[in-house]
Amino acid sequence: MIYRPIVIDEEIKFSKKKFIVSKTDLKGNIVFTNKNFSEVSGYTEAELVGSPHNILRHPDMPKAVFFLVWQTLLAGQPISGVVKNLAKNGRYYWVIADLEPKFNSKGDIVALTAFRRAAPQDVIDATEELYKTMLSIEKKHGMEKSLAYLEAFLEEHELNYNEFVDELIRPKGILAALLTAFKKMIG
């Protein structure tokens, strides 16, 4: 059994080129991790495999976000999210997670995969404010009210959660201009 670490307000920074990969069963138990997962989280592969994925859940994360993610995945749809994870040493790291269900030949969902990369600071800043509000609502009124707040927030912005995350991570400024120019060059 893995015990929850004491939370330390210290961020773990890791390369944007480093992808953290995991696969879970339908109960949320980890069945596969890559080396980067262990390096960033501080857990060994042996500690991770067989453990529930929520061992990484940071207390700053609203439960409503995970409810939305699970609901979407179990409906057979992919979803992306911005997540603050808790490392074994109590420090934290922010990721952009792209999650998707895996199907067998009969079309049944048999596993869930997640590919994560370091979240840029502007994405963290935008997400952190939303999550703090949701967490406050959740503590006072429960997860359902937090989820309702998220849904109202997204409706106000005329976005679903995936579109919200896409807007956050879309290149902006000079990088966006360079990417547009590059796409035009290559046709």
N, C-alpha and C. Protein backbone atom coordinates (compact mmCIF):
# COMPACT_ATOMS: atom_id res chain seq x y z
N MET A 1 0.84 -1.19 0.00
CA MET A 1 0.00 0.00 0.00
C MET A 1 0.88 1.25 0.00
N ILE A 2 0.49 2.22 -0.81
CA ILE A 2 1.23 3.47 -0.90
C ILE A 2 0.51 4.52 -0.07
N TYR A 3 1.27 5.19 0.77
CA TYR A 3 0.70 6.23 1.62
C TYR A 3 0.78 7.58 0.93
N ARG A 4 -0.19 8.44 1.21
CA ARG A 4 -0.22 9.78 0.62
C ARG A 4 0.87 10.63 1.26
N PRO A 5 1.65 11.31 0.43
CA PRO A 5 2.71 12.16 0.98
C PRO A 5 2.15 13.45 1.57
N ILE A 6 2.93 14.08 2.39
CA ILE A 6 2.59 15.40 2.91
C ILE A 6 2.84 16.39 1.78
N VAL A 7 1.87 17.24 1.51
CA VAL A 7 1.96 18.17 0.39
C VAL A 7 2.98 19.26 0.69
N ILE A 8 3.88 19.46 -0.27
CA ILE A 8 4.90 20.52 -0.19
C ILE A 8 4.62 21.47 -1.35
N ASP A 9 4.58 22.75 -1.07
CA ASP A 9 4.29 23.74 -2.11
C ASP A 9 5.55 24.05 -2.92
N GLU A 10 5.98 23.06 -3.67
CA GLU A 10 7.19 23.20 -4.48
C GLU A 10 6.98 22.44 -5.79
N GLU A 11 7.13 23.16 -6.90
CA GLU A 11 6.85 22.57 -8.20
C GLU A 11 8.03 21.79 -8.76
N ILE A 12 7.72 20.70 -9.41
CA ILE A 12 8.70 19.92 -10.16
C ILE A 12 8.58 20.38 -11.62
N LYS A 13 9.65 20.89 -12.15
CA LYS A 13 9.68 21.27 -13.56
C LYS A 13 10.34 20.14 -14.34
N PHE A 14 9.78 19.84 -15.51
CA PHE A 14 10.41 18.82 -16.35
C PHE A 14 10.30 19.25 -17.81
N SER A 15 11.09 18.65 -18.65
CA SER A 15 11.19 19.02 -20.05
C SER A 15 9.86 18.88 -20.78
N LYS A 16 9.55 19.88 -21.61
CA LYS A 16 8.35 19.82 -22.44
C LYS A 16 8.45 18.71 -23.48
N LYS A 17 9.65 18.20 -23.68
CA LYS A 17 9.87 17.12 -24.64
C LYS A 17 9.65 15.74 -24.01
N LYS A 18 9.49 15.72 -22.70
CA LYS A 18 9.35 14.46 -21.96
C LYS A 18 7.86 14.12 -21.81
N PHE A 19 7.45 12.99 -22.38
CA PHE A 19 6.06 12.55 -22.27
C PHE A 19 5.94 11.50 -21.18
N ILE A 20 4.90 11.65 -20.36
CA ILE A 20 4.60 10.69 -19.31
C ILE A 20 3.43 9.86 -19.82
N VAL A 21 3.60 8.55 -19.83
CA VAL A 21 2.57 7.67 -20.39
C VAL A 21 2.14 6.65 -19.35
N SER A 22 0.82 6.40 -19.31
CA SER A 22 0.31 5.33 -18.46
C SER A 22 -0.91 4.71 -19.10
N LYS A 23 -1.20 3.52 -18.65
CA LYS A 23 -2.39 2.79 -19.08
C LYS A 23 -3.05 2.26 -17.82
N THR A 24 -4.36 2.39 -17.75
CA THR A 24 -5.09 1.88 -16.58
C THR A 24 -6.20 0.94 -17.03
N ASP A 25 -6.63 0.12 -16.09
CA ASP A 25 -7.82 -0.70 -16.35
C ASP A 25 -9.06 0.17 -16.10
N LEU A 26 -10.23 -0.40 -16.25
CA LEU A 26 -11.46 0.37 -16.13
C LEU A 26 -11.81 0.74 -14.69
N LYS A 27 -11.05 0.22 -13.74
CA LYS A 27 -11.25 0.60 -12.33
C LYS A 27 -10.27 1.70 -11.91
N GLY A 28 -9.41 2.11 -12.85
CA GLY A 28 -8.44 3.17 -12.54
C GLY A 28 -7.13 2.68 -11.99
N ASN A 29 -6.91 1.36 -12.02
CA ASN A 29 -5.64 0.81 -11.55
C ASN A 29 -4.61 0.85 -12.66
N ILE A 30 -3.41 1.27 -12.34
CA ILE A 30 -2.34 1.40 -13.32
C ILE A 30 -1.85 0.02 -13.74
N VAL A 31 -1.78 -0.19 -15.06
CA VAL A 31 -1.27 -1.47 -15.58
C VAL A 31 0.02 -1.28 -16.37
N PHE A 32 0.35 -0.04 -16.73
CA PHE A 32 1.59 0.24 -17.46
C PHE A 32 2.01 1.69 -17.22
N THR A 33 3.32 1.90 -17.10
CA THR A 33 3.88 3.25 -17.06
C THR A 33 5.17 3.26 -17.86
N ASN A 34 5.53 4.42 -18.37
CA ASN A 34 6.84 4.53 -19.00
C ASN A 34 7.85 5.06 -17.99
N LYS A 35 9.11 5.06 -18.38
CA LYS A 35 10.20 5.49 -17.49
C LYS A 35 10.02 6.94 -17.02
N ASN A 36 9.54 7.80 -17.91
CA ASN A 36 9.35 9.21 -17.56
C ASN A 36 8.35 9.38 -16.41
N PHE A 37 7.36 8.51 -16.36
CA PHE A 37 6.36 8.57 -15.29
C PHE A 37 7.06 8.43 -13.94
N SER A 38 7.91 7.43 -13.84
CA SER A 38 8.65 7.21 -12.58
C SER A 38 9.60 8.35 -12.27
N GLU A 39 10.29 8.85 -13.29
CA GLU A 39 11.26 9.92 -13.07
C GLU A 39 10.58 11.18 -12.53
N VAL A 40 9.43 11.55 -13.09
CA VAL A 40 8.77 12.78 -12.68
C VAL A 40 8.00 12.59 -11.37
N SER A 41 7.29 11.48 -11.23
CA SER A 41 6.46 11.28 -10.03
C SER A 41 7.25 10.83 -8.81
N GLY A 42 8.41 10.22 -9.03
CA GLY A 42 9.22 9.73 -7.92
C GLY A 42 8.86 8.32 -7.47
N TYR A 43 7.81 7.75 -8.04
CA TYR A 43 7.42 6.37 -7.72
C TYR A 43 8.14 5.41 -8.66
N THR A 44 8.49 4.23 -8.16
CA THR A 44 9.07 3.21 -9.03
C THR A 44 7.94 2.57 -9.83
N GLU A 45 8.30 1.91 -10.91
CA GLU A 45 7.30 1.21 -11.71
C GLU A 45 6.57 0.17 -10.84
N ALA A 46 7.31 -0.51 -9.98
CA ALA A 46 6.71 -1.52 -9.10
C ALA A 46 5.68 -0.90 -8.15
N GLU A 47 5.95 0.32 -7.68
CA GLU A 47 5.00 1.01 -6.80
C GLU A 47 3.75 1.45 -7.57
N LEU A 48 3.93 1.81 -8.83
CA LEU A 48 2.82 2.34 -9.62
C LEU A 48 1.90 1.26 -10.17
N VAL A 49 2.48 0.22 -10.78
CA VAL A 49 1.66 -0.81 -11.41
C VAL A 49 0.85 -1.54 -10.34
N GLY A 50 -0.46 -1.58 -10.56
CA GLY A 50 -1.38 -2.20 -9.60
C GLY A 50 -2.00 -1.20 -8.64
N SER A 51 -1.43 0.01 -8.57
CA SER A 51 -1.97 1.06 -7.69
C SER A 51 -3.05 1.86 -8.41
N PRO A 52 -3.98 2.42 -7.64
CA PRO A 52 -4.97 3.29 -8.27
C PRO A 52 -4.30 4.58 -8.76
N HIS A 53 -4.72 5.04 -9.93
CA HIS A 53 -4.10 6.24 -10.52
C HIS A 53 -4.29 7.47 -9.63
N ASN A 54 -5.30 7.44 -8.79
CA ASN A 54 -5.56 8.62 -7.96
C ASN A 54 -4.54 8.81 -6.83
N ILE A 55 -3.52 7.95 -6.74
CA ILE A 55 -2.44 8.22 -5.77
C ILE A 55 -1.72 9.52 -6.13
N LEU A 56 -1.88 9.94 -7.38
CA LEU A 56 -1.24 11.17 -7.84
C LEU A 56 -2.13 12.40 -7.67
N ARG A 57 -3.34 12.19 -7.21
CA ARG A 57 -4.29 13.31 -7.12
C ARG A 57 -3.85 14.33 -6.09
N HIS A 58 -3.62 15.54 -6.56
CA HIS A 58 -3.24 16.63 -5.67
C HIS A 58 -4.51 17.18 -5.01
N PRO A 59 -4.45 17.55 -3.72
CA PRO A 59 -5.65 18.06 -3.05
C PRO A 59 -6.17 19.39 -3.63
N ASP A 60 -5.38 20.06 -4.47
CA ASP A 60 -5.85 21.29 -5.13
C ASP A 60 -6.73 21.00 -6.34
N MET A 61 -6.84 19.73 -6.72
CA MET A 61 -7.65 19.37 -7.89
C MET A 61 -9.10 19.10 -7.49
N PRO A 62 -10.05 19.77 -8.15
CA PRO A 62 -11.45 19.49 -7.86
C PRO A 62 -11.84 18.09 -8.35
N LYS A 63 -12.62 17.39 -7.54
CA LYS A 63 -13.09 16.05 -7.92
C LYS A 63 -13.96 16.11 -9.17
N ALA A 64 -14.64 17.23 -9.37
CA ALA A 64 -15.53 17.39 -10.52
C ALA A 64 -14.78 17.23 -11.84
N VAL A 65 -13.53 17.65 -11.90
CA VAL A 65 -12.75 17.51 -13.13
C VAL A 65 -12.55 16.03 -13.44
N PHE A 66 -12.20 15.25 -12.42
CA PHE A 66 -11.99 13.81 -12.64
C PHE A 66 -13.30 13.10 -12.97
N PHE A 67 -14.39 13.55 -12.36
CA PHE A 67 -15.70 12.99 -12.69
C PHE A 67 -15.99 13.20 -14.17
N LEU A 68 -15.76 14.42 -14.66
CA LEU A 68 -15.98 14.74 -16.07
C LEU A 68 -15.09 13.89 -16.97
N VAL A 69 -13.83 13.75 -16.60
CA VAL A 69 -12.89 12.95 -17.39
C VAL A 69 -13.36 11.50 -17.47
N TRP A 70 -13.69 10.90 -16.33
CA TRP A 70 -14.12 9.50 -16.31
C TRP A 70 -15.42 9.31 -17.08
N GLN A 71 -16.35 10.22 -16.90
CA GLN A 71 -17.64 10.16 -17.60
C GLN A 71 -17.41 10.16 -19.12
N THR A 72 -16.53 11.02 -19.58
CA THR A 72 -16.23 11.13 -21.01
C THR A 72 -15.54 9.87 -21.53
N LEU A 73 -14.52 9.41 -20.81
CA LEU A 73 -13.78 8.21 -21.24
C LEU A 73 -14.67 6.98 -21.28
N LEU A 74 -15.48 6.79 -20.25
CA LEU A 74 -16.34 5.61 -20.20
C LEU A 74 -17.48 5.67 -21.21
N ALA A 75 -17.72 6.87 -21.77
CA ALA A 75 -18.68 7.01 -22.88
C ALA A 75 -17.98 6.75 -24.22
N GLY A 76 -16.69 6.40 -24.16
CA GLY A 76 -15.96 6.04 -25.35
C GLY A 76 -15.32 7.20 -26.09
N GLN A 77 -15.24 8.36 -25.45
CA GLN A 77 -14.69 9.56 -26.09
C GLN A 77 -13.35 9.94 -25.49
N PRO A 78 -12.43 10.46 -26.30
CA PRO A 78 -11.17 10.98 -25.76
C PRO A 78 -11.42 12.33 -25.09
N ILE A 79 -10.52 12.72 -24.22
CA ILE A 79 -10.62 14.02 -23.54
C ILE A 79 -9.22 14.49 -23.15
N SER A 80 -9.04 15.79 -23.14
CA SER A 80 -7.79 16.37 -22.68
C SER A 80 -8.09 17.17 -21.42
N GLY A 81 -7.09 17.35 -20.59
CA GLY A 81 -7.29 18.12 -19.38
C GLY A 81 -5.97 18.67 -18.86
N VAL A 82 -6.09 19.64 -17.99
CA VAL A 82 -4.93 20.21 -17.32
C VAL A 82 -5.01 19.74 -15.87
N VAL A 83 -3.95 19.07 -15.41
CA VAL A 83 -3.99 18.40 -14.11
C VAL A 83 -2.76 18.74 -13.28
N LYS A 84 -3.02 19.00 -12.01
CA LYS A 84 -1.94 19.17 -11.03
C LYS A 84 -1.80 17.84 -10.30
N ASN A 85 -0.62 17.22 -10.44
CA ASN A 85 -0.37 15.92 -9.83
C ASN A 85 0.53 16.06 -8.61
N LEU A 86 0.42 15.09 -7.71
CA LEU A 86 1.20 15.04 -6.48
C LEU A 86 2.25 13.95 -6.61
N ALA A 87 3.51 14.33 -6.48
CA ALA A 87 4.62 13.38 -6.56
C ALA A 87 4.80 12.66 -5.22
N LYS A 88 5.57 11.62 -5.24
CA LYS A 88 5.83 10.82 -4.04
C LYS A 88 6.45 11.64 -2.91
N ASN A 89 7.29 12.62 -3.27
CA ASN A 89 7.96 13.43 -2.27
C ASN A 89 7.12 14.60 -1.76
N GLY A 90 5.86 14.70 -2.24
CA GLY A 90 4.96 15.77 -1.78
C GLY A 90 4.96 17.01 -2.65
N ARG A 91 5.92 17.09 -3.58
CA ARG A 91 5.95 18.22 -4.50
C ARG A 91 4.87 18.00 -5.58
N TYR A 92 4.69 18.97 -6.44
CA TYR A 92 3.65 18.85 -7.46
C TYR A 92 4.21 19.14 -8.85
N TYR A 93 3.46 18.70 -9.86
CA TYR A 93 3.79 19.02 -11.25
C TYR A 93 2.50 19.11 -12.05
N TRP A 94 2.47 20.08 -12.97
CA TRP A 94 1.31 20.32 -13.82
C TRP A 94 1.53 19.66 -15.18
N VAL A 95 0.48 19.03 -15.68
CA VAL A 95 0.55 18.39 -16.99
C VAL A 95 -0.68 18.72 -17.82
N ILE A 96 -0.49 18.65 -19.11
CA ILE A 96 -1.62 18.59 -20.04
C ILE A 96 -1.75 17.12 -20.36
N ALA A 97 -2.90 16.56 -20.06
CA ALA A 97 -3.13 15.13 -20.24
C ALA A 97 -4.09 14.89 -21.39
N ASP A 98 -3.68 14.04 -22.31
CA ASP A 98 -4.55 13.59 -23.40
C ASP A 98 -4.90 12.15 -23.09
N LEU A 99 -6.18 11.91 -22.84
CA LEU A 99 -6.64 10.59 -22.41
C LEU A 99 -7.58 10.00 -23.45
N GLU A 100 -7.50 8.69 -23.60
CA GLU A 100 -8.41 8.05 -24.56
C GLU A 100 -8.70 6.62 -24.15
N PRO A 101 -9.92 6.17 -24.47
CA PRO A 101 -10.26 4.77 -24.21
C PRO A 101 -9.64 3.87 -25.28
N LYS A 102 -9.33 2.64 -24.90
CA LYS A 102 -8.85 1.63 -25.85
C LYS A 102 -9.92 0.55 -25.94
N PHE A 103 -10.20 0.11 -27.16
CA PHE A 103 -11.29 -0.83 -27.41
C PHE A 103 -10.77 -2.18 -27.87
N ASN A 104 -11.54 -3.25 -27.56
CA ASN A 104 -11.21 -4.57 -28.11
C ASN A 104 -11.90 -4.72 -29.46
N SER A 105 -11.77 -5.88 -30.08
CA SER A 105 -12.34 -6.09 -31.42
C SER A 105 -13.87 -6.04 -31.43
N LYS A 106 -14.49 -6.20 -30.27
CA LYS A 106 -15.96 -6.14 -30.18
C LYS A 106 -16.46 -4.72 -29.95
N GLY A 107 -15.54 -3.79 -29.76
CA GLY A 107 -15.93 -2.40 -29.52
C GLY A 107 -16.12 -2.06 -28.05
N ASP A 108 -15.74 -3.00 -27.16
CA ASP A 108 -15.84 -2.74 -25.72
C ASP A 108 -14.59 -2.00 -25.24
N ILE A 109 -14.77 -1.08 -24.32
CA ILE A 109 -13.63 -0.38 -23.73
C ILE A 109 -12.92 -1.35 -22.79
N VAL A 110 -11.61 -1.51 -22.99
CA VAL A 110 -10.84 -2.45 -22.18
C VAL A 110 -9.76 -1.79 -21.34
N ALA A 111 -9.37 -0.57 -21.71
CA ALA A 111 -8.32 0.13 -20.98
C ALA A 111 -8.40 1.62 -21.32
N LEU A 112 -7.66 2.40 -20.54
CA LEU A 112 -7.59 3.84 -20.76
C LEU A 112 -6.11 4.22 -20.82
N THR A 113 -5.74 5.04 -21.79
CA THR A 113 -4.36 5.48 -21.87
C THR A 113 -4.29 6.99 -21.66
N ALA A 114 -3.15 7.42 -21.15
CA ALA A 114 -2.93 8.85 -20.92
C ALA A 114 -1.52 9.21 -21.35
N PHE A 115 -1.44 10.28 -22.13
CA PHE A 115 -0.17 10.85 -22.55
C PHE A 115 -0.13 12.25 -21.95
N ARG A 116 0.92 12.52 -21.17
CA ARG A 116 1.00 13.81 -20.48
C ARG A 116 2.30 14.52 -20.85
N ARG A 117 2.21 15.85 -20.89
CA ARG A 117 3.38 16.67 -21.11
C ARG A 117 3.32 17.85 -20.16
N ALA A 118 4.44 18.49 -19.96
CA ALA A 118 4.51 19.63 -19.04
C ALA A 118 3.57 20.75 -19.53
N ALA A 119 2.85 21.32 -18.60
CA ALA A 119 1.94 22.42 -18.92
C ALA A 119 2.70 23.74 -18.87
N PRO A 120 2.54 24.60 -19.89
CA PRO A 120 3.17 25.92 -19.85
C PRO A 120 2.56 26.79 -18.75
N GLN A 121 3.31 27.78 -18.27
CA GLN A 121 2.87 28.62 -17.15
C GLN A 121 1.56 29.35 -17.44
N ASP A 122 1.35 29.84 -18.66
CA ASP A 122 0.10 30.56 -18.95
C ASP A 122 -1.11 29.63 -18.86
N VAL A 123 -0.93 28.37 -19.22
CA VAL A 123 -2.00 27.38 -19.11
C VAL A 123 -2.29 27.10 -17.64
N ILE A 124 -1.23 26.97 -16.85
CA ILE A 124 -1.38 26.74 -15.41
C ILE A 124 -2.12 27.90 -14.77
N ASP A 125 -1.70 29.12 -15.08
CA ASP A 125 -2.33 30.32 -14.49
C ASP A 125 -3.83 30.37 -14.79
N ALA A 126 -4.20 30.13 -16.02
CA ALA A 126 -5.62 30.18 -16.41
C ALA A 126 -6.42 29.07 -15.75
N THR A 127 -5.84 27.90 -15.64
CA THR A 127 -6.55 26.75 -15.07
C THR A 127 -6.64 26.86 -13.55
N GLU A 128 -5.57 27.30 -12.93
CA GLU A 128 -5.51 27.36 -11.46
C GLU A 128 -6.64 28.21 -10.89
N GLU A 129 -6.93 29.33 -11.52
CA GLU A 129 -8.00 30.21 -11.04
C GLU A 129 -9.35 29.50 -11.08
N LEU A 130 -9.63 28.83 -12.19
CA LEU A 130 -10.88 28.08 -12.33
C LEU A 130 -10.96 26.97 -11.28
N TYR A 131 -9.88 26.20 -11.13
CA TYR A 131 -9.88 25.08 -10.19
C TYR A 131 -10.02 25.54 -8.74
N LYS A 132 -9.42 26.68 -8.38
CA LYS A 132 -9.56 27.19 -7.02
C LYS A 132 -11.02 27.50 -6.70
N THR A 133 -11.70 28.12 -7.65
CA THR A 133 -13.12 28.43 -7.46
C THR A 133 -13.92 27.14 -7.34
N MET A 134 -13.67 26.19 -8.23
CA MET A 134 -14.39 24.92 -8.19
C MET A 134 -14.16 24.19 -6.87
N LEU A 135 -12.92 24.18 -6.42
CA LEU A 135 -12.58 23.49 -5.17
C LEU A 135 -13.28 24.13 -3.98
N SER A 136 -13.34 25.45 -3.97
CA SER A 136 -14.03 26.17 -2.91
C SER A 136 -15.51 25.79 -2.88
N ILE A 137 -16.13 25.75 -4.06
CA ILE A 137 -17.54 25.35 -4.17
C ILE A 137 -17.71 23.92 -3.71
N GLU A 138 -16.80 23.06 -4.13
CA GLU A 138 -16.85 21.64 -3.79
C GLU A 138 -16.79 21.42 -2.29
N LYS A 139 -15.91 22.15 -1.61
CA LYS A 139 -15.75 22.00 -0.17
C LYS A 139 -17.01 22.44 0.59
N LYS A 140 -17.67 23.47 0.08
CA LYS A 140 -18.86 24.01 0.76
C LYS A 140 -20.15 23.31 0.36
N HIS A 141 -20.26 22.94 -0.93
CA HIS A 141 -21.55 22.48 -1.45
C HIS A 141 -21.53 21.13 -2.16
N GLY A 142 -20.35 20.51 -2.29
CA GLY A 142 -20.27 19.19 -2.91
C GLY A 142 -19.85 19.23 -4.37
N MET A 143 -19.51 18.05 -4.86
CA MET A 143 -19.00 17.91 -6.22
C MET A 143 -20.03 18.32 -7.27
N GLU A 144 -21.29 18.01 -7.05
CA GLU A 144 -22.32 18.33 -8.04
C GLU A 144 -22.39 19.83 -8.32
N LYS A 145 -22.28 20.65 -7.27
CA LYS A 145 -22.33 22.11 -7.45
C LYS A 145 -21.06 22.61 -8.15
N SER A 146 -19.93 21.97 -7.86
CA SER A 146 -18.67 22.31 -8.52
C SER A 146 -18.77 22.00 -10.02
N LEU A 147 -19.34 20.85 -10.34
CA LEU A 147 -19.54 20.45 -11.73
C LEU A 147 -20.50 21.41 -12.42
N ALA A 148 -21.55 21.82 -11.73
CA ALA A 148 -22.51 22.78 -12.28
C ALA A 148 -21.82 24.11 -12.58
N TYR A 149 -20.92 24.53 -11.69
CA TYR A 149 -20.17 25.77 -11.91
C TYR A 149 -19.30 25.64 -13.16
N LEU A 150 -18.62 24.50 -13.30
CA LEU A 150 -17.78 24.28 -14.47
C LEU A 150 -18.62 24.31 -15.74
N GLU A 151 -19.75 23.65 -15.72
CA GLU A 151 -20.64 23.62 -16.89
C GLU A 151 -21.12 25.03 -17.24
N ALA A 152 -21.47 25.82 -16.23
CA ALA A 152 -21.91 27.21 -16.47
C ALA A 152 -20.75 28.05 -17.02
N PHE A 153 -19.55 27.86 -16.47
CA PHE A 153 -18.36 28.57 -16.94
C PHE A 153 -18.12 28.26 -18.41
N LEU A 154 -18.19 26.99 -18.77
CA LEU A 154 -17.95 26.58 -20.15
C LEU A 154 -19.05 27.10 -21.08
N GLU A 155 -20.30 27.04 -20.60
CA GLU A 155 -21.43 27.54 -21.39
C GLU A 155 -21.28 29.04 -21.66
N GLU A 156 -20.86 29.77 -20.64
CA GLU A 156 -20.66 31.22 -20.78
C GLU A 156 -19.61 31.52 -21.85
N HIS A 157 -18.61 30.67 -21.95
CA HIS A 157 -17.54 30.84 -22.94
C HIS A 157 -17.86 30.11 -24.25
N GLU A 158 -19.03 29.48 -24.31
CA GLU A 158 -19.49 28.73 -25.49
C GLU A 158 -18.48 27.67 -25.92
N LEU A 159 -18.01 26.92 -24.91
CA LEU A 159 -17.04 25.86 -25.14
C LEU A 159 -17.42 24.62 -24.35
N ASN A 160 -16.97 23.45 -24.82
CA ASN A 160 -17.01 22.28 -23.95
C ASN A 160 -15.62 22.17 -23.30
N TYR A 161 -15.42 21.20 -22.42
CA TYR A 161 -14.15 21.14 -21.68
C TYR A 161 -12.97 20.93 -22.62
N ASN A 162 -13.12 20.02 -23.61
CA ASN A 162 -12.03 19.79 -24.56
C ASN A 162 -11.67 21.07 -25.32
N GLU A 163 -12.68 21.82 -25.76
CA GLU A 163 -12.44 23.07 -26.47
C GLU A 163 -11.76 24.09 -25.56
N PHE A 164 -12.15 24.12 -24.29
CA PHE A 164 -11.53 25.02 -23.31
C PHE A 164 -10.03 24.71 -23.19
N VAL A 165 -9.70 23.43 -23.06
CA VAL A 165 -8.30 23.03 -22.95
C VAL A 165 -7.56 23.35 -24.25
N ASP A 166 -8.20 23.06 -25.39
CA ASP A 166 -7.58 23.37 -26.68
C ASP A 166 -7.25 24.86 -26.81
N GLU A 167 -8.18 25.71 -26.36
CA GLU A 167 -7.96 27.15 -26.39
C GLU A 167 -6.77 27.54 -25.51
N LEU A 168 -6.67 26.91 -24.35
CA LEU A 168 -5.57 27.21 -23.43
C LEU A 168 -4.21 26.85 -24.01
N ILE A 169 -4.14 25.70 -24.69
CA ILE A 169 -2.84 25.21 -25.14
C ILE A 169 -2.48 25.63 -26.56
N ARG A 170 -3.41 26.24 -27.26
CA ARG A 170 -3.14 26.70 -28.63
C ARG A 170 -2.02 27.74 -28.60
N PRO A 171 -1.04 27.60 -29.51
CA PRO A 171 0.04 28.60 -29.56
C PRO A 171 -0.52 30.00 -29.79
N LYS A 172 0.13 30.98 -29.15
CA LYS A 172 -0.31 32.37 -29.24
C LYS A 172 0.86 33.25 -29.65
N GLY A 173 0.57 34.45 -30.08
CA GLY A 173 1.60 35.44 -30.37
C GLY A 173 2.50 35.04 -31.52
N ILE A 174 3.77 35.25 -31.35
CA ILE A 174 4.74 35.00 -32.42
C ILE A 174 4.80 33.54 -32.81
N LEU A 175 4.65 32.64 -31.81
CA LEU A 175 4.67 31.21 -32.11
C LEU A 175 3.52 30.83 -33.03
N ALA A 176 2.34 31.38 -32.78
CA ALA A 176 1.18 31.11 -33.63
C ALA A 176 1.43 31.62 -35.05
N ALA A 177 2.01 32.81 -35.16
CA ALA A 177 2.31 33.38 -36.48
C ALA A 177 3.32 32.52 -37.23
N LEU A 178 4.35 32.05 -36.52
CA LEU A 178 5.36 31.20 -37.15
C LEU A 178 4.76 29.87 -37.62
N LEU A 179 3.91 29.27 -36.78
CA LEU A 179 3.26 28.01 -37.16
C LEU A 179 2.37 28.20 -38.38
N THR A 180 1.62 29.30 -38.43
CA THR A 180 0.75 29.59 -39.57
C THR A 180 1.59 29.75 -40.83
N ALA A 181 2.68 30.52 -40.73
CA ALA A 181 3.56 30.72 -41.88
C ALA A 181 4.17 29.40 -42.34
N PHE A 182 4.58 28.55 -41.39
CA PHE A 182 5.17 27.26 -41.73
C PHE A 182 4.16 26.38 -42.44
N LYS A 183 2.92 26.35 -41.97
CA LYS A 183 1.87 25.54 -42.60
C LYS A 183 1.61 26.01 -44.02
N LYS A 184 1.64 27.32 -44.23
CA LYS A 184 1.44 27.86 -45.59
C LYS A 184 2.60 27.46 -46.49
N MET A 185 3.82 27.45 -45.97
CA MET A 185 5.01 27.10 -46.73
C MET A 185 4.96 25.65 -47.23
N ILE A 186 4.50 24.76 -46.34
CA ILE A 186 4.52 23.34 -46.70
C ILE A 186 3.25 22.92 -47.45
N GLY A 187 2.33 23.88 -47.60
CA GLY A 187 1.16 23.66 -48.43
C GLY A 187 0.08 22.96 -47.76
